């Protein structure tokens, strides 16, 4: 099977990292050892530290994550990306550049995301302390044609994982596993 990139996108605190990590661990348990998890916060800490949160910087951040995903895929390593990636045009660009791209839209109302926010980022954004915060003072452009939409306010984490795995099997990105 050719390597793939599974791209989780959605508002901050929608559940991207939780689902991506769960999927990563599940694939490892299935014996898929050639998989890497690229979490947006971790990537920003090590790969894109100097970038800010303007549209231009966010687009560059996503382009770098996309490039890294392509390089991993080229060498037979599957990539799981969990990044807000708020702008549709740069996500679509990555979708065209990455051969086996599977987009997971982690959809959740901003009010629920705000309730889940243990770091208090939404509060700081509403107070004007954080600028360019997606969902408050910066837009999130929903995907037009994601491979799957996971509504984390309506489905459990376990059911969400099952839906993602089913979608990956239907696209033949992963095989049937027990």
C-alpha atoms as a PDB file:
ATOM      1  CA  UNK A   1       0.000   0.000   0.000  1.00  0.00           C
ATOM      2  CA  UNK A   2       1.175   3.524  -0.742  1.00  0.00           C
ATOM      3  CA  UNK A   3       1.804   5.848   2.172  1.00  0.00           C
ATOM      4  CA  UNK A   4      -0.959   8.295   3.080  1.00  0.00           C
ATOM      5  CA  UNK A   5      -1.547  11.544   4.929  1.00  0.00           C
ATOM      6  CA  UNK A   6      -4.556  11.892   7.179  1.00  0.00           C
ATOM      7  CA  UNK A   7      -5.178  15.599   7.779  1.00  0.00           C
ATOM      8  CA  UNK A   8      -7.304  16.614  10.788  1.00  0.00           C
ATOM      9  CA  UNK A   9      -8.594  20.187  10.551  1.00  0.00           C
ATOM     10  CA  UNK A  10     -10.976  22.160  12.736  1.00  0.00           C
ATOM     11  CA  UNK A  11     -11.303  24.863  15.352  1.00  0.00           C
ATOM     12  CA  UNK A  12      -8.996  24.999  18.372  1.00  0.00           C
ATOM     13  CA  UNK A  13     -10.193  22.508  21.026  1.00  0.00           C
ATOM     14  CA  UNK A  14     -12.492  20.699  18.581  1.00  0.00           C
ATOM     15  CA  UNK A  15     -10.745  17.362  19.191  1.00  0.00           C
ATOM     16  CA  UNK A  16      -8.177  17.157  16.371  1.00  0.00           C
ATOM     17  CA  UNK A  17      -5.204  16.153  18.497  1.00  0.00           C
ATOM     18  CA  UNK A  18      -7.269  13.773  20.630  1.00  0.00           C
ATOM     19  CA  UNK A  19      -8.581  11.919  17.572  1.00  0.00           C
ATOM     20  CA  UNK A  20      -5.265  12.017  15.707  1.00  0.00           C
ATOM     21  CA  UNK A  21      -3.434  10.578  18.723  1.00  0.00           C
ATOM     22  CA  UNK A  22      -6.078   7.899  19.182  1.00  0.00           C
ATOM     23  CA  UNK A  23      -5.815   6.964  15.502  1.00  0.00           C
ATOM     24  CA  UNK A  24      -2.007   6.945  15.686  1.00  0.00           C
ATOM     25  CA  UNK A  25      -2.039   4.592  18.679  1.00  0.00           C
ATOM     26  CA  UNK A  26      -4.673   2.396  17.053  1.00  0.00           C
ATOM     27  CA  UNK A  27      -2.615   2.055  13.864  1.00  0.00           C
ATOM     28  CA  UNK A  28       0.456   1.141  15.938  1.00  0.00           C
ATOM     29  CA  UNK A  29      -1.579  -1.537  17.728  1.00  0.00           C
ATOM     30  CA  UNK A  30      -2.636  -2.884  14.306  1.00  0.00           C
ATOM     31  CA  UNK A  31       1.045  -3.237  13.450  1.00  0.00           C
ATOM     32  CA  UNK A  32       1.331  -0.181  11.199  1.00  0.00           C
ATOM     33  CA  UNK A  33       4.766   0.874  12.447  1.00  0.00           C
ATOM     34  CA  UNK A  34       5.571   3.337   9.661  1.00  0.00           C
ATOM     35  CA  UNK A  35       3.383   6.184  10.903  1.00  0.00           C
ATOM     36  CA  UNK A  36       4.221   9.611  12.334  1.00  0.00           C
ATOM     37  CA  UNK A  37       1.981  12.067  14.154  1.00  0.00           C
ATOM     38  CA  UNK A  38       2.506  15.730  13.282  1.00  0.00           C
ATOM     39  CA  UNK A  39       0.677  17.826  15.858  1.00  0.00           C
ATOM     40  CA  UNK A  40       0.351  21.494  14.953  1.00  0.00           C
ATOM     41  CA  UNK A  41       1.469  22.730  18.382  1.00  0.00           C
ATOM     42  CA  UNK A  42       4.554  20.497  18.381  1.00  0.00           C
ATOM     43  CA  UNK A  43       5.440  21.415  14.788  1.00  0.00           C
ATOM     44  CA  UNK A  44       5.237  25.107  15.696  1.00  0.00           C
ATOM     45  CA  UNK A  45       7.588  24.494  18.625  1.00  0.00           C
ATOM     46  CA  UNK A  46      10.291  22.814  16.519  1.00  0.00           C
ATOM     47  CA  UNK A  47       9.803  23.428  12.796  1.00  0.00           C
ATOM     48  CA  UNK A  48       7.966  26.722  12.416  1.00  0.00           C
ATOM     49  CA  UNK A  49       8.860  28.542  15.628  1.00  0.00           C
ATOM     50  CA  UNK A  50       9.504  31.900  13.943  1.00  0.00           C
ATOM     51  CA  UNK A  51       6.111  32.076  12.252  1.00  0.00           C
ATOM     52  CA  UNK A  52       3.304  34.167  13.685  1.00  0.00           C
ATOM     53  CA  UNK A  53      -0.442  33.866  13.215  1.00  0.00           C
ATOM     54  CA  UNK A  54      -1.158  36.168  10.272  1.00  0.00           C
ATOM     55  CA  UNK A  55      -2.743  34.523   7.240  1.00  0.00           C
ATOM     56  CA  UNK A  56       0.604  34.566   5.444  1.00  0.00           C
ATOM     57  CA  UNK A  57       2.405  32.901   8.367  1.00  0.00           C
ATOM     58  CA  UNK A  58      -0.358  30.341   8.902  1.00  0.00           C
ATOM     59  CA  UNK A  59      -0.295  29.449   5.205  1.00  0.00           C
ATOM     60  CA  UNK A  60       3.486  29.007   5.384  1.00  0.00           C
ATOM     61  CA  UNK A  61       3.075  26.822   8.463  1.00  0.00           C
ATOM     62  CA  UNK A  62       0.628  24.558   6.615  1.00  0.00           C
ATOM     63  CA  UNK A  63       2.840  24.457   3.519  1.00  0.00           C
ATOM     64  CA  UNK A  64       5.767  23.290   5.660  1.00  0.00           C
ATOM     65  CA  UNK A  65       3.656  20.618   7.352  1.00  0.00           C
ATOM     66  CA  UNK A  66       2.432  19.547   3.903  1.00  0.00           C
ATOM     67  CA  UNK A  67       6.007  19.355   2.600  1.00  0.00           C
ATOM     68  CA  UNK A  68       7.055  17.250   5.575  1.00  0.00           C
ATOM     69  CA  UNK A  69       4.063  14.961   5.037  1.00  0.00           C
ATOM     70  CA  UNK A  70       4.996  14.527   1.364  1.00  0.00           C
ATOM     71  CA  UNK A  71       8.602  13.696   2.283  1.00  0.00           C
ATOM     72  CA  UNK A  72       7.456  11.155   4.852  1.00  0.00           C
ATOM     73  CA  UNK A  73       5.028   9.630   2.325  1.00  0.00           C
ATOM     74  CA  UNK A  74       7.744   9.527  -0.348  1.00  0.00           C
ATOM     75  CA  UNK A  75       9.792   7.329   1.987  1.00  0.00           C
ATOM     76  CA  UNK A  76       6.895   5.037   2.847  1.00  0.00           C
ATOM     77  CA  UNK A  77       5.938   6.685   6.124  1.00  0.00           C
ATOM     78  CA  UNK A  78       2.293   7.483   6.766  1.00  0.00           C
ATOM     79  CA  UNK A  79       1.563  10.910   8.266  1.00  0.00           C
ATOM     80  CA  UNK A  80      -1.206  11.943  10.592  1.00  0.00           C
ATOM     81  CA  UNK A  81      -1.521  15.726  10.798  1.00  0.00           C
ATOM     82  CA  UNK A  82      -3.508  17.558  13.457  1.00  0.00           C
ATOM     83  CA  UNK A  83      -3.448  21.271  12.611  1.00  0.00           C
ATOM     84  CA  UNK A  84      -6.127  23.950  12.672  1.00  0.00           C
ATOM     85  CA  UNK A  85      -5.252  24.904   9.068  1.00  0.00           C
ATOM     86  CA  UNK A  86      -7.965  27.549   9.013  1.00  0.00           C
ATOM     87  CA  UNK A  87      -7.789  28.630   5.381  1.00  0.00           C
ATOM     88  CA  UNK A  88      -9.414  26.563   2.673  1.00  0.00           C
ATOM     89  CA  UNK A  89      -7.115  27.583  -0.184  1.00  0.00           C
ATOM     90  CA  UNK A  90      -3.916  26.291   1.420  1.00  0.00           C
ATOM     91  CA  UNK A  91      -5.651  23.070   2.543  1.00  0.00           C
ATOM     92  CA  UNK A  92      -6.836  22.521  -1.034  1.00  0.00           C
ATOM     93  CA  UNK A  93      -3.294  23.183  -2.227  1.00  0.00           C
ATOM     94  CA  UNK A  94      -1.995  20.428   0.062  1.00  0.00           C
ATOM     95  CA  UNK A  95      -4.778  18.097  -1.033  1.00  0.00           C
ATOM     96  CA  UNK A  96      -3.551  18.455  -4.632  1.00  0.00           C
ATOM     97  CA  UNK A  97       0.124  18.009  -3.717  1.00  0.00           C
ATOM     98  CA  UNK A  98      -0.224  14.980  -1.419  1.00  0.00           C
ATOM     99  CA  UNK A  99      -1.101  11.816  -3.334  1.00  0.00           C
ATOM    100  CA  UNK A 100      -3.092   9.838  -0.733  1.00  0.00           C
ATOM    101  CA  UNK A 101      -4.666  12.691   1.223  1.00  0.00           C
ATOM    102  CA  UNK A 102      -7.578  11.995   3.564  1.00  0.00           C
ATOM    103  CA  UNK A 103      -9.174  15.085   5.097  1.00  0.00           C
ATOM    104  CA  UNK A 104     -10.966  14.754   8.434  1.00  0.00           C
ATOM    105  CA  UNK A 105     -13.013  17.797   9.335  1.00  0.00           C
ATOM    106  CA  UNK A 106     -13.381  17.799  13.107  1.00  0.00           C
ATOM    107  CA  UNK A 107     -16.517  19.872  13.379  1.00  0.00           C
ATOM    108  CA  UNK A 108     -17.592  21.336  16.690  1.00  0.00           C
ATOM    109  CA  UNK A 109     -19.483  24.510  17.612  1.00  0.00           C
ATOM    110  CA  UNK A 110     -17.214  27.273  18.872  1.00  0.00           C
ATOM    111  CA  UNK A 111     -19.200  27.400  22.137  1.00  0.00           C
ATOM    112  CA  UNK A 112     -18.318  23.763  22.890  1.00  0.00           C
ATOM    113  CA  UNK A 113     -14.685  24.298  21.883  1.00  0.00           C
ATOM    114  CA  UNK A 114     -14.552  27.226  24.268  1.00  0.00           C
ATOM    115  CA  UNK A 115     -15.911  25.066  27.112  1.00  0.00           C
ATOM    116  CA  UNK A 116     -13.174  22.476  26.417  1.00  0.00           C
ATOM    117  CA  UNK A 117     -10.389  25.070  26.430  1.00  0.00           C
ATOM    118  CA  UNK A 118      -8.259  24.252  29.479  1.00  0.00           C
ATOM    119  CA  UNK A 119      -5.567  26.785  28.490  1.00  0.00           C
ATOM    120  CA  UNK A 120      -7.992  29.735  28.451  1.00  0.00           C
ATOM    121  CA  UNK A 121      -7.034  30.768  24.905  1.00  0.00           C
ATOM    122  CA  UNK A 122     -10.591  31.626  23.823  1.00  0.00           C
ATOM    123  CA  UNK A 123     -11.011  33.837  26.887  1.00  0.00           C
ATOM    124  CA  UNK A 124      -7.731  35.619  26.144  1.00  0.00           C
ATOM    125  CA  UNK A 125      -8.772  36.093  22.505  1.00  0.00           C
ATOM    126  CA  UNK A 126     -12.121  37.561  23.550  1.00  0.00           C
ATOM    127  CA  UNK A 127     -10.259  39.927  25.896  1.00  0.00           C
ATOM    128  CA  UNK A 128      -8.011  41.029  23.019  1.00  0.00           C
ATOM    129  CA  UNK A 129      -4.893  39.488  24.574  1.00  0.00           C
ATOM    130  CA  UNK A 130      -4.483  36.979  21.730  1.00  0.00           C
ATOM    131  CA  UNK A 131      -4.800  38.323  18.185  1.00  0.00           C
ATOM    132  CA  UNK A 132      -5.592  36.243  15.100  1.00  0.00           C
ATOM    133  CA  UNK A 133      -7.242  33.493  17.144  1.00  0.00           C
ATOM    134  CA  UNK A 134      -9.211  31.135  14.904  1.00  0.00           C
ATOM    135  CA  UNK A 135     -12.905  31.128  15.715  1.00  0.00           C
ATOM    136  CA  UNK A 136     -12.862  34.409  17.643  1.00  0.00           C
ATOM    137  CA  UNK A 137     -11.004  37.169  15.802  1.00  0.00           C
ATOM    138  CA  UNK A 138      -9.782  35.179  12.803  1.00  0.00           C
ATOM    139  CA  UNK A 139     -11.902  33.031  10.471  1.00  0.00           C
ATOM    140  CA  UNK A 140     -12.060  29.282  10.067  1.00  0.00           C
ATOM    141  CA  UNK A 141     -13.087  28.288   6.540  1.00  0.00           C
ATOM    142  CA  UNK A 142     -14.860  24.939   6.619  1.00  0.00           C
ATOM    143  CA  UNK A 143     -13.733  22.346   4.079  1.00  0.00           C
ATOM    144  CA  UNK A 144     -16.079  22.054   1.091  1.00  0.00           C
ATOM    145  CA  UNK A 145     -15.379  18.382   0.341  1.00  0.00           C
ATOM    146  CA  UNK A 146     -13.715  16.660   3.299  1.00  0.00           C
ATOM    147  CA  UNK A 147     -13.406  12.892   3.157  1.00  0.00           C
ATOM    148  CA  UNK A 148     -15.237  12.688   6.461  1.00  0.00           C
ATOM    149  CA  UNK A 149     -16.876  15.055   8.939  1.00  0.00           C
ATOM    150  CA  UNK A 150     -16.631  14.112  12.602  1.00  0.00           C
ATOM    151  CA  UNK A 151     -18.956  16.065  14.868  1.00  0.00           C
ATOM    152  CA  UNK A 152     -17.226  15.772  18.219  1.00  0.00           C
ATOM    153  CA  UNK A 153     -20.124  17.367  20.068  1.00  0.00           C
ATOM    154  CA  UNK A 154     -22.420  14.554  18.866  1.00  0.00           C
ATOM    155  CA  UNK A 155     -20.254  11.427  18.766  1.00  0.00           C
ATOM    156  CA  UNK A 156     -18.055   9.773  21.362  1.00  0.00           C
ATOM    157  CA  UNK A 157     -14.323   9.534  20.776  1.00  0.00           C
ATOM    158  CA  UNK A 158     -14.670   5.777  20.231  1.00  0.00           C
ATOM    159  CA  UNK A 159     -17.477   6.164  17.666  1.00  0.00           C
ATOM    160  CA  UNK A 160     -15.534   8.935  15.945  1.00  0.00           C
ATOM    161  CA  UNK A 161     -12.484   6.665  15.635  1.00  0.00           C
ATOM    162  CA  UNK A 162     -14.654   3.881  14.185  1.00  0.00           C
ATOM    163  CA  UNK A 163     -16.043   6.289  11.567  1.00  0.00           C
ATOM    164  CA  UNK A 164     -12.531   7.434  10.613  1.00  0.00           C
ATOM    165  CA  UNK A 165     -11.265   3.850  10.336  1.00  0.00           C
ATOM    166  CA  UNK A 166     -14.259   2.898   8.211  1.00  0.00           C
ATOM    167  CA  UNK A 167     -13.563   5.848   5.889  1.00  0.00           C
ATOM    168  CA  UNK A 168      -9.886   4.895   5.601  1.00  0.00           C
ATOM    169  CA  UNK A 169     -10.821   1.293   4.774  1.00  0.00           C
ATOM    170  CA  UNK A 170     -13.373   2.401   2.180  1.00  0.00           C
ATOM    171  CA  UNK A 171     -10.679   4.494   0.468  1.00  0.00           C
ATOM    172  CA  UNK A 172      -8.335   1.497   0.771  1.00  0.00           C
ATOM    173  CA  UNK A 173      -5.746   3.515   2.676  1.00  0.00           C
ATOM    174  CA  UNK A 174      -5.673   0.895   5.410  1.00  0.00           C
ATOM    175  CA  UNK A 175      -6.598  -2.770   5.218  1.00  0.00           C
ATOM    176  CA  UNK A 176      -9.089  -4.710   7.259  1.00  0.00           C
ATOM    177  CA  UNK A 177      -7.732  -5.220  10.754  1.00  0.00           C
ATOM    178  CA  UNK A 178      -9.168  -6.804  13.857  1.00  0.00           C
END
